[in-house]
């Protein structure tokens, strides 16, 4: 399922007046989650899970082709932890 499929499914389930209205709603949902996580917060959605960020510290890695050591800087990564209901639905 891609973004266009999600928008169409959202439109059908919510009786949105148009595809454009459904697309705006989906975009707003994504923007809210990304904005909150980028600001250092977390987003908890009851039956879905938790979106937050996690820091990956800087490390030294070795290039297997050249055997050269490369310093990889630390960075923030977005993380999603699914709710128990999601895990159960996926595993049934």
PDB file of N, CA and C in Angstrom:
ATOM      1  N   UNK A   1       0.853  -1.169   0.000  1.00  0.00           N
ATOM      2  CA  UNK A   1       0.000   0.000   0.000  1.00  0.00           C
ATOM      3  C   UNK A   1       0.901   1.235   0.000  1.00  0.00           C
ATOM      4  N   UNK A   2       0.671   2.130  -0.933  1.00  0.00           N
ATOM      5  CA  UNK A   2       1.461   3.358  -0.986  1.00  0.00           C
ATOM      6  C   UNK A   2       0.609   4.540  -0.508  1.00  0.00           C
ATOM      7  N   UNK A   3       1.168   5.739  -0.573  1.00  0.00           N
ATOM      8  CA  UNK A   3       0.481   6.919  -0.050  1.00  0.00           C
ATOM      9  C   UNK A   3      -0.840   7.172  -0.764  1.00  0.00           C
ATOM     10  N   UNK A   4      -0.869   7.011  -2.069  1.00  0.00           N
ATOM     11  CA  UNK A   4      -2.112   7.219  -2.821  1.00  0.00           C
ATOM     12  C   UNK A   4      -3.187   6.234  -2.370  1.00  0.00           C
ATOM     13  N   UNK A   5      -2.789   5.001  -2.104  1.00  0.00           N
ATOM     14  CA  UNK A   5      -3.737   3.998  -1.615  1.00  0.00           C
ATOM     15  C   UNK A   5      -4.262   4.373  -0.230  1.00  0.00           C
ATOM     16  N   UNK A   6      -3.382   4.876   0.626  1.00  0.00           N
ATOM     17  CA  UNK A   6      -3.801   5.299   1.966  1.00  0.00           C
ATOM     18  C   UNK A   6      -4.804   6.442   1.864  1.00  0.00           C
ATOM     19  N   UNK A   7      -4.534   7.400   0.996  1.00  0.00           N
ATOM     20  CA  UNK A   7      -5.443   8.539   0.819  1.00  0.00           C
ATOM     21  C   UNK A   7      -6.802   8.064   0.328  1.00  0.00           C
ATOM     22  N   UNK A   8      -6.820   7.172  -0.635  1.00  0.00           N
ATOM     23  CA  UNK A   8      -8.094   6.662  -1.162  1.00  0.00           C
ATOM     24  C   UNK A   8      -8.862   5.885  -0.091  1.00  0.00           C
ATOM     25  N   UNK A   9      -8.173   5.057   0.664  1.00  0.00           N
ATOM     26  CA  UNK A   9      -8.821   4.303   1.747  1.00  0.00           C
ATOM     27  C   UNK A   9      -9.366   5.254   2.810  1.00  0.00           C
ATOM     28  N   UNK A  10      -8.600   6.282   3.141  1.00  0.00           N
ATOM     29  CA  UNK A  10      -9.037   7.288   4.109  1.00  0.00           C
ATOM     30  C   UNK A  10     -10.286   7.999   3.596  1.00  0.00           C
ATOM     31  N   UNK A  11     -10.293   8.354   2.325  1.00  0.00           N
ATOM     32  CA  UNK A  11     -11.449   9.039   1.732  1.00  0.00           C
ATOM     33  C   UNK A  11     -12.703   8.184   1.833  1.00  0.00           C
ATOM     34  N   UNK A  12     -12.569   6.901   1.529  1.00  0.00           N
ATOM     35  CA  UNK A  12     -13.724   6.009   1.565  1.00  0.00           C
ATOM     36  C   UNK A  12     -14.235   5.791   2.986  1.00  0.00           C
ATOM     37  N   UNK A  13     -13.339   5.623   3.930  1.00  0.00           N
ATOM     38  CA  UNK A  13     -13.748   5.331   5.311  1.00  0.00           C
ATOM     39  C   UNK A  13     -14.309   6.540   6.045  1.00  0.00           C
ATOM     40  N   UNK A  14     -13.893   7.734   5.664  1.00  0.00           N
ATOM     41  CA  UNK A  14     -14.337   8.930   6.375  1.00  0.00           C
ATOM     42  C   UNK A  14     -15.385   9.715   5.607  1.00  0.00           C
ATOM     43  N   UNK A  15     -15.748   9.258   4.441  1.00  0.00           N
ATOM     44  CA  UNK A  15     -16.692   9.998   3.587  1.00  0.00           C
ATOM     45  C   UNK A  15     -16.215  11.421   3.333  1.00  0.00           C
ATOM     46  N   UNK A  16     -14.916  11.573   3.137  1.00  0.00           N
ATOM     47  CA  UNK A  16     -14.352  12.883   2.811  1.00  0.00           C
ATOM     48  C   UNK A  16     -14.974  13.354   1.501  1.00  0.00           C
ATOM     49  N   UNK A  17     -15.262  14.647   1.389  1.00  0.00           N
ATOM     50  CA  UNK A  17     -15.951  15.144   0.195  1.00  0.00           C
ATOM     51  C   UNK A  17     -15.162  14.983  -1.102  1.00  0.00           C
ATOM     52  N   UNK A  18     -13.838  14.922  -1.002  1.00  0.00           N
ATOM     53  CA  UNK A  18     -13.031  14.779  -2.217  1.00  0.00           C
ATOM     54  C   UNK A  18     -11.709  14.105  -1.879  1.00  0.00           C
ATOM     55  N   UNK A  19     -11.038  13.691  -2.939  1.00  0.00           N
ATOM     56  CA  UNK A  19      -9.712  13.093  -2.751  1.00  0.00           C
ATOM     57  C   UNK A  19      -8.737  14.141  -2.219  1.00  0.00           C
ATOM     58  N   UNK A  20      -8.890  15.385  -2.667  1.00  0.00           N
ATOM     59  CA  UNK A  20      -8.009  16.463  -2.212  1.00  0.00           C
ATOM     60  C   UNK A  20      -8.174  16.714  -0.712  1.00  0.00           C
ATOM     61  N   UNK A  21      -9.401  16.658  -0.226  1.00  0.00           N
ATOM     62  CA  UNK A  21      -9.649  16.850   1.206  1.00  0.00           C
ATOM     63  C   UNK A  21      -9.024  15.715   2.009  1.00  0.00           C
ATOM     64  N   UNK A  22      -9.156  14.501   1.508  1.00  0.00           N
ATOM     65  CA  UNK A  22      -8.550  13.349   2.180  1.00  0.00           C
ATOM     66  C   UNK A  22      -7.028  13.475   2.175  1.00  0.00           C
ATOM     67  N   UNK A  23      -6.464  13.919   1.059  1.00  0.00           N
ATOM     68  CA  UNK A  23      -5.010  14.089   0.960  1.00  0.00           C
ATOM     69  C   UNK A  23      -4.523  15.139   1.953  1.00  0.00           C
ATOM     70  N   UNK A  24      -5.275  16.239   2.102  1.00  0.00           N
ATOM     71  CA  UNK A  24      -4.897  17.273   3.071  1.00  0.00           C
ATOM     72  C   UNK A  24      -4.916  16.718   4.494  1.00  0.00           C
ATOM     73  N   UNK A  25      -5.897  15.891   4.800  1.00  0.00           N
ATOM     74  CA  UNK A  25      -5.991  15.295   6.138  1.00  0.00           C
ATOM     75  C   UNK A  25      -4.822  14.355   6.407  1.00  0.00           C
ATOM     76  N   UNK A  26      -4.491  13.520   5.441  1.00  0.00           N
ATOM     77  CA  UNK A  26      -3.367  12.590   5.604  1.00  0.00           C
ATOM     78  C   UNK A  26      -2.063  13.370   5.738  1.00  0.00           C
ATOM     79  N   UNK A  27      -1.880  14.396   4.920  1.00  0.00           N
ATOM     80  CA  UNK A  27      -0.674  15.230   4.998  1.00  0.00           C
ATOM     81  C   UNK A  27      -0.574  15.913   6.358  1.00  0.00           C
ATOM     82  N   UNK A  28      -1.698  16.418   6.863  1.00  0.00           N
ATOM     83  CA  UNK A  28      -1.697  17.072   8.173  1.00  0.00           C
ATOM     84  C   UNK A  28      -1.306  16.084   9.263  1.00  0.00           C
ATOM     85  N   UNK A  29      -1.824  14.869   9.188  1.00  0.00           N
ATOM     86  CA  UNK A  29      -1.496  13.823  10.160  1.00  0.00           C
ATOM     87  C   UNK A  29       0.009  13.549  10.153  1.00  0.00           C
ATOM     88  N   UNK A  30       0.572  13.401   8.969  1.00  0.00           N
ATOM     89  CA  UNK A  30       2.014  13.146   8.843  1.00  0.00           C
ATOM     90  C   UNK A  30       2.815  14.330   9.381  1.00  0.00           C
ATOM     91  N   UNK A  31       2.412  15.552   9.014  1.00  0.00           N
ATOM     92  CA  UNK A  31       3.123  16.750   9.466  1.00  0.00           C
ATOM     93  C   UNK A  31       3.106  16.887  10.986  1.00  0.00           C
ATOM     94  N   UNK A  32       1.975  16.551  11.607  1.00  0.00           N
ATOM     95  CA  UNK A  32       1.867  16.631  13.067  1.00  0.00           C
ATOM     96  C   UNK A  32       2.847  15.667  13.724  1.00  0.00           C
ATOM     97  N   UNK A  33       2.882  14.440  13.236  1.00  0.00           N
ATOM     98  CA  UNK A  33       3.778  13.436  13.820  1.00  0.00           C
ATOM     99  C   UNK A  33       5.237  13.831  13.623  1.00  0.00           C
ATOM    100  N   UNK A  34       5.611  14.187  12.403  1.00  0.00           N
ATOM    101  CA  UNK A  34       7.003  14.548  12.116  1.00  0.00           C
ATOM    102  C   UNK A  34       7.415  15.788  12.906  1.00  0.00           C
ATOM    103  N   UNK A  35       6.544  16.775  12.975  1.00  0.00           N
ATOM    104  CA  UNK A  35       6.858  17.997  13.716  1.00  0.00           C
ATOM    105  C   UNK A  35       7.080  17.747  15.196  1.00  0.00           C
ATOM    106  N   UNK A  36       6.218  16.941  15.792  1.00  0.00           N
ATOM    107  CA  UNK A  36       6.339  16.647  17.223  1.00  0.00           C
ATOM    108  C   UNK A  36       7.609  15.859  17.519  1.00  0.00           C
ATOM    109  N   UNK A  37       7.915  14.879  16.693  1.00  0.00           N
ATOM    110  CA  UNK A  37       9.115  14.063  16.916  1.00  0.00           C
ATOM    111  C   UNK A  37      10.373  14.886  16.661  1.00  0.00           C
ATOM    112  N   UNK A  38      10.372  15.713  15.621  1.00  0.00           N
ATOM    113  CA  UNK A  38      11.535  16.552  15.317  1.00  0.00           C
ATOM    114  C   UNK A  38      11.813  17.545  16.442  1.00  0.00           C
ATOM    115  N   UNK A  39      10.757  17.964  17.146  1.00  0.00           N
ATOM    116  CA  UNK A  39      10.916  18.904  18.256  1.00  0.00           C
ATOM    117  C   UNK A  39      11.370  18.208  19.537  1.00  0.00           C
ATOM    118  N   UNK A  40      11.548  16.896  19.476  1.00  0.00           N
ATOM    119  CA  UNK A  40      12.039  16.157  20.634  1.00  0.00           C
ATOM    120  C   UNK A  40      10.965  15.456  21.433  1.00  0.00           C
ATOM    121  N   UNK A  41       9.725  15.544  20.984  1.00  0.00           N
ATOM    122  CA  UNK A  41       8.634  14.901  21.708  1.00  0.00           C
ATOM    123  C   UNK A  41       8.345  13.518  21.181  1.00  0.00           C
ATOM    124  N   UNK A  42       7.262  12.961  21.698  1.00  0.00           N
ATOM    125  CA  UNK A  42       6.810  11.670  21.206  1.00  0.00           C
ATOM    126  C   UNK A  42       5.322  11.763  20.930  1.00  0.00           C
ATOM    127  N   UNK A  43       4.846  10.912  20.037  1.00  0.00           N
ATOM    128  CA  UNK A  43       3.432  10.874  19.683  1.00  0.00           C
ATOM    129  C   UNK A  43       2.919   9.483  20.018  1.00  0.00           C
ATOM    130  N   UNK A  44       1.957   9.429  20.933  1.00  0.00           N
ATOM    131  CA  UNK A  44       1.340   8.155  21.324  1.00  0.00           C
ATOM    132  C   UNK A  44      -0.048   8.093  20.716  1.00  0.00           C
ATOM    133  N   UNK A  45      -0.277   7.063  19.923  1.00  0.00           N
ATOM    134  CA  UNK A  45      -1.590   6.843  19.328  1.00  0.00           C
ATOM    135  C   UNK A  45      -2.056   5.484  19.826  1.00  0.00           C
ATOM    136  N   UNK A  46      -3.065   5.501  20.687  1.00  0.00           N
ATOM    137  CA  UNK A  46      -3.532   4.340  21.429  1.00  0.00           C
ATOM    138  C   UNK A  46      -3.422   2.987  20.766  1.00  0.00           C
ATOM    139  N   UNK A  47      -4.183   2.737  19.733  1.00  0.00           N
ATOM    140  CA  UNK A  47      -4.199   1.413  19.117  1.00  0.00           C
ATOM    141  C   UNK A  47      -3.086   1.212  18.104  1.00  0.00           C
ATOM    142  N   UNK A  48      -2.312   2.248  17.805  1.00  0.00           N
ATOM    143  CA  UNK A  48      -1.265   2.151  16.788  1.00  0.00           C
ATOM    144  C   UNK A  48       0.119   1.953  17.395  1.00  0.00           C
ATOM    145  N   UNK A  49       0.547   2.888  18.237  1.00  0.00           N
ATOM    146  CA  UNK A  49       1.863   2.774  18.846  1.00  0.00           C
ATOM    147  C   UNK A  49       2.448   4.130  19.181  1.00  0.00           C
ATOM    148  N   UNK A  50       3.765   4.162  19.337  1.00  0.00           N
ATOM    149  CA  UNK A  50       4.469   5.373  19.753  1.00  0.00           C
ATOM    150  C   UNK A  50       5.520   5.732  18.709  1.00  0.00           C
ATOM    151  N   UNK A  51       5.500   6.994  18.285  1.00  0.00           N
ATOM    152  CA  UNK A  51       6.532   7.548  17.417  1.00  0.00           C
ATOM    153  C   UNK A  51       7.416   8.419  18.302  1.00  0.00           C
ATOM    154  N   UNK A  52       8.723   8.220  18.244  1.00  0.00           N
ATOM    155  CA  UNK A  52       9.648   9.083  18.962  1.00  0.00           C
ATOM    156  C   UNK A  52      10.983   9.076  18.236  1.00  0.00           C
ATOM    157  N   UNK A  53      11.990   9.674  18.856  1.00  0.00           N
ATOM    158  CA  UNK A  53      13.300   9.666  18.220  1.00  0.00           C
ATOM    159  C   UNK A  53      14.318   9.090  19.176  1.00  0.00           C
ATOM    160  N   UNK A  54      15.377   8.551  18.597  1.00  0.00           N
ATOM    161  CA  UNK A  54      16.426   7.892  19.362  1.00  0.00           C
ATOM    162  C   UNK A  54      17.771   8.347  18.797  1.00  0.00           C
ATOM    163  N   UNK A  55      18.739   8.585  19.676  1.00  0.00           N
ATOM    164  CA  UNK A  55      20.045   9.049  19.216  1.00  0.00           C
ATOM    165  C   UNK A  55      20.972   7.869  18.973  1.00  0.00           C
ATOM    166  N   UNK A  56      21.534   7.810  17.780  1.00  0.00           N
ATOM    167  CA  UNK A  56      22.566   6.817  17.462  1.00  0.00           C
ATOM    168  C   UNK A  56      23.906   7.525  17.591  1.00  0.00           C
ATOM    169  N   UNK A  57      24.730   7.060  18.520  1.00  0.00           N
ATOM    170  CA  UNK A  57      25.995   7.742  18.784  1.00  0.00           C
ATOM    171  C   UNK A  57      26.981   7.572  17.627  1.00  0.00           C
ATOM    172  N   UNK A  58      27.956   8.454  17.589  1.00  0.00           N
ATOM    173  CA  UNK A  58      28.995   8.401  16.555  1.00  0.00           C
ATOM    174  C   UNK A  58      29.817   7.127  16.728  1.00  0.00           C
ATOM    175  N   UNK A  59      30.177   6.532  15.609  1.00  0.00           N
ATOM    176  CA  UNK A  59      30.977   5.308  15.646  1.00  0.00           C
ATOM    177  C   UNK A  59      32.017   5.336  14.533  1.00  0.00           C
ATOM    178  N   UNK A  60      32.983   4.461  14.651  1.00  0.00           N
ATOM    179  CA  UNK A  60      33.970   4.269  13.587  1.00  0.00           C
ATOM    180  C   UNK A  60      33.618   2.956  12.897  1.00  0.00           C
ATOM    181  N   UNK A  61      33.456   3.002  11.597  1.00  0.00           N
ATOM    182  CA  UNK A  61      33.118   1.808  10.810  1.00  0.00           C
ATOM    183  C   UNK A  61      34.231   1.543   9.815  1.00  0.00           C
ATOM    184  N   UNK A  62      34.332   0.289   9.409  1.00  0.00           N
ATOM    185  CA  UNK A  62      35.366  -0.094   8.456  1.00  0.00           C
ATOM    186  C   UNK A  62      34.714  -0.391   7.109  1.00  0.00           C
ATOM    187  N   UNK A  63      35.252   0.225   6.050  1.00  0.00           N
ATOM    188  CA  UNK A  63      34.798  -0.052   4.695  1.00  0.00           C
ATOM    189  C   UNK A  63      35.346  -1.424   4.304  1.00  0.00           C
ATOM    190  N   UNK A  64      34.480  -2.412   4.042  1.00  0.00           N
ATOM    191  CA  UNK A  64      34.976  -3.758   3.745  1.00  0.00           C
ATOM    192  C   UNK A  64      35.749  -3.856   2.430  1.00  0.00           C
ATOM    193  N   UNK A  65      35.523  -2.934   1.508  1.00  0.00           N
ATOM    194  CA  UNK A  65      36.223  -2.979   0.223  1.00  0.00           C
ATOM    195  C   UNK A  65      37.649  -2.444   0.311  1.00  0.00           C
ATOM    196  N   UNK A  66      37.825  -1.355   1.078  1.00  0.00           N
ATOM    197  CA  UNK A  66      39.142  -0.713   1.140  1.00  0.00           C
ATOM    198  C   UNK A  66      39.828  -0.897   2.492  1.00  0.00           C
ATOM    199  N   UNK A  67      39.104  -1.429   3.461  1.00  0.00           N
ATOM    200  CA  UNK A  67      39.608  -1.613   4.822  1.00  0.00           C
ATOM    201  C   UNK A  67      39.885  -0.277   5.510  1.00  0.00           C
ATOM    202  N   UNK A  68      39.380   0.814   4.952  1.00  0.00           N
ATOM    203  CA  UNK A  68      39.570   2.145   5.513  1.00  0.00           C
ATOM    204  C   UNK A  68      38.571   2.366   6.654  1.00  0.00           C
ATOM    205  N   UNK A  69      39.018   3.002   7.723  1.00  0.00           N
ATOM    206  CA  UNK A  69      38.140   3.329   8.848  1.00  0.00           C
ATOM    207  C   UNK A  69      37.449   4.654   8.556  1.00  0.00           C
ATOM    208  N   UNK A  70      36.143   4.656   8.691  1.00  0.00           N
ATOM    209  CA  UNK A  70      35.333   5.840   8.406  1.00  0.00           C
ATOM    210  C   UNK A  70      34.609   6.237   9.687  1.00  0.00           C
ATOM    211  N   UNK A  71      34.682   7.514  10.036  1.00  0.00           N
ATOM    212  CA  UNK A  71      33.950   8.016  11.195  1.00  0.00           C
ATOM    213  C   UNK A  71      32.527   8.362  10.768  1.00  0.00           C
ATOM    214  N   UNK A  72      31.565   7.721  11.402  1.00  0.00           N
ATOM    215  CA  UNK A  72      30.154   7.989  11.125  1.00  0.00           C
ATOM    216  C   UNK A  72      29.643   8.879  12.254  1.00  0.00           C
ATOM    217  N   UNK A  73      29.167  10.087  11.928  1.00  0.00           N
ATOM    218  CA  UNK A  73      28.718  11.000  12.982  1.00  0.00           C
ATOM    219  C   UNK A  73      27.433  10.504  13.649  1.00  0.00           C
ATOM    220  N   UNK A  74      27.208  10.959  14.871  1.00  0.00           N
ATOM    221  CA  UNK A  74      25.972  10.627  15.566  1.00  0.00           C
ATOM    222  C   UNK A  74      24.794  11.314  14.893  1.00  0.00           C
ATOM    223  N   UNK A  75      23.612  10.734  15.061  1.00  0.00           N
ATOM    224  CA  UNK A  75      22.429  11.337  14.445  1.00  0.00           C
ATOM    225  C   UNK A  75      21.170  10.873  15.168  1.00  0.00           C
ATOM    226  N   UNK A  76      20.127  11.650  15.018  1.00  0.00           N
ATOM    227  CA  UNK A  76      18.817  11.290  15.530  1.00  0.00           C
ATOM    228  C   UNK A  76      18.095  10.475  14.467  1.00  0.00           C
ATOM    229  N   UNK A  77      17.422   9.423  14.895  1.00  0.00           N
ATOM    230  CA  UNK A  77      16.618   8.615  13.977  1.00  0.00           C
ATOM    231  C   UNK A  77      15.205   8.505  14.537  1.00  0.00           C
ATOM    232  N   UNK A  78      14.240   8.455  13.641  1.00  0.00           N
ATOM    233  CA  UNK A  78      12.855   8.296  14.063  1.00  0.00           C
ATOM    234  C   UNK A  78      12.613   6.830  14.378  1.00  0.00           C
ATOM    235  N   UNK A  79      11.839   6.590  15.437  1.00  0.00           N
ATOM    236  CA  UNK A  79      11.571   5.224  15.864  1.00  0.00           C
ATOM    237  C   UNK A  79      10.062   5.055  16.031  1.00  0.00           C
ATOM    238  N   UNK A  80       9.577   3.880  15.701  1.00  0.00           N
ATOM    239  CA  UNK A  80       8.172   3.535  15.918  1.00  0.00           C
ATOM    240  C   UNK A  80       8.112   2.249  16.717  1.00  0.00           C
ATOM    241  N   UNK A  81       7.369   2.284  17.800  1.00  0.00           N
ATOM    242  CA  UNK A  81       7.160   1.083  18.614  1.00  0.00           C
ATOM    243  C   UNK A  81       5.677   0.737  18.552  1.00  0.00           C
ATOM    244  N   UNK A  82       5.331  -0.367  17.915  1.00  0.00           N
ATOM    245  CA  UNK A  82       3.918  -0.703  17.743  1.00  0.00           C
ATOM    246  C   UNK A  82       3.242  -1.088  19.057  1.00  0.00           C
ATOM    247  N   UNK A  83       1.935  -0.825  19.124  1.00  0.00           N
ATOM    248  CA  UNK A  83       1.126  -1.212  20.280  1.00  0.00           C
ATOM    249  C   UNK A  83       0.928  -2.726  20.277  1.00  0.00           C
ATOM    250  N   UNK A  84       0.541  -3.259  21.421  1.00  0.00           N
ATOM    251  CA  UNK A  84       0.319  -4.703  21.535  1.00  0.00           C
ATOM    252  C   UNK A  84      -0.739  -5.175  20.545  1.00  0.00           C
ATOM    253  N   UNK A  85      -1.781  -4.372  20.344  1.00  0.00           N
ATOM    254  CA  UNK A  85      -2.849  -4.758  19.416  1.00  0.00           C
ATOM    255  C   UNK A  85      -2.321  -4.880  17.990  1.00  0.00           C
ATOM    256  N   UNK A  86      -1.408  -4.003  17.607  1.00  0.00           N
ATOM    257  CA  UNK A  86      -0.817  -4.061  16.263  1.00  0.00           C
ATOM    258  C   UNK A  86       0.040  -5.312  16.132  1.00  0.00           C
ATOM    259  N   UNK A  87       0.848  -5.590  17.140  1.00  0.00           N
ATOM    260  CA  UNK A  87       1.686  -6.792  17.112  1.00  0.00           C
ATOM    261  C   UNK A  87       0.827  -8.046  17.006  1.00  0.00           C
ATOM    262  N   UNK A  88      -0.268  -8.080  17.769  1.00  0.00           N
ATOM    263  CA  UNK A  88      -1.152  -9.247  17.742  1.00  0.00           C
ATOM    264  C   UNK A  88      -1.807  -9.408  16.377  1.00  0.00           C
ATOM    265  N   UNK A  89      -2.245  -8.302  15.768  1.00  0.00           N
ATOM    266  CA  UNK A  89      -2.892  -8.370  14.454  1.00  0.00           C
ATOM    267  C   UNK A  89      -1.922  -8.843  13.379  1.00  0.00           C
ATOM    268  N   UNK A  90      -0.677  -8.414  13.465  1.00  0.00           N
ATOM    269  CA  UNK A  90       0.330  -8.803  12.476  1.00  0.00           C
ATOM    270  C   UNK A  90       0.702 -10.275  12.622  1.00  0.00           C
ATOM    271  N   UNK A  91       0.684 -10.767  13.851  1.00  0.00           N
ATOM    272  CA  UNK A  91       1.138 -12.131  14.110  1.00  0.00           C
ATOM    273  C   UNK A  91       0.036 -13.182  14.129  1.00  0.00           C
ATOM    274  N   UNK A  92      -1.188 -12.821  13.735  1.00  0.00           N
ATOM    275  CA  UNK A  92      -2.225 -13.866  13.756  1.00  0.00           C
ATOM    276  C   UNK A  92      -2.390 -14.545  12.440  1.00  0.00           C
TER     277      UNK A  92
END
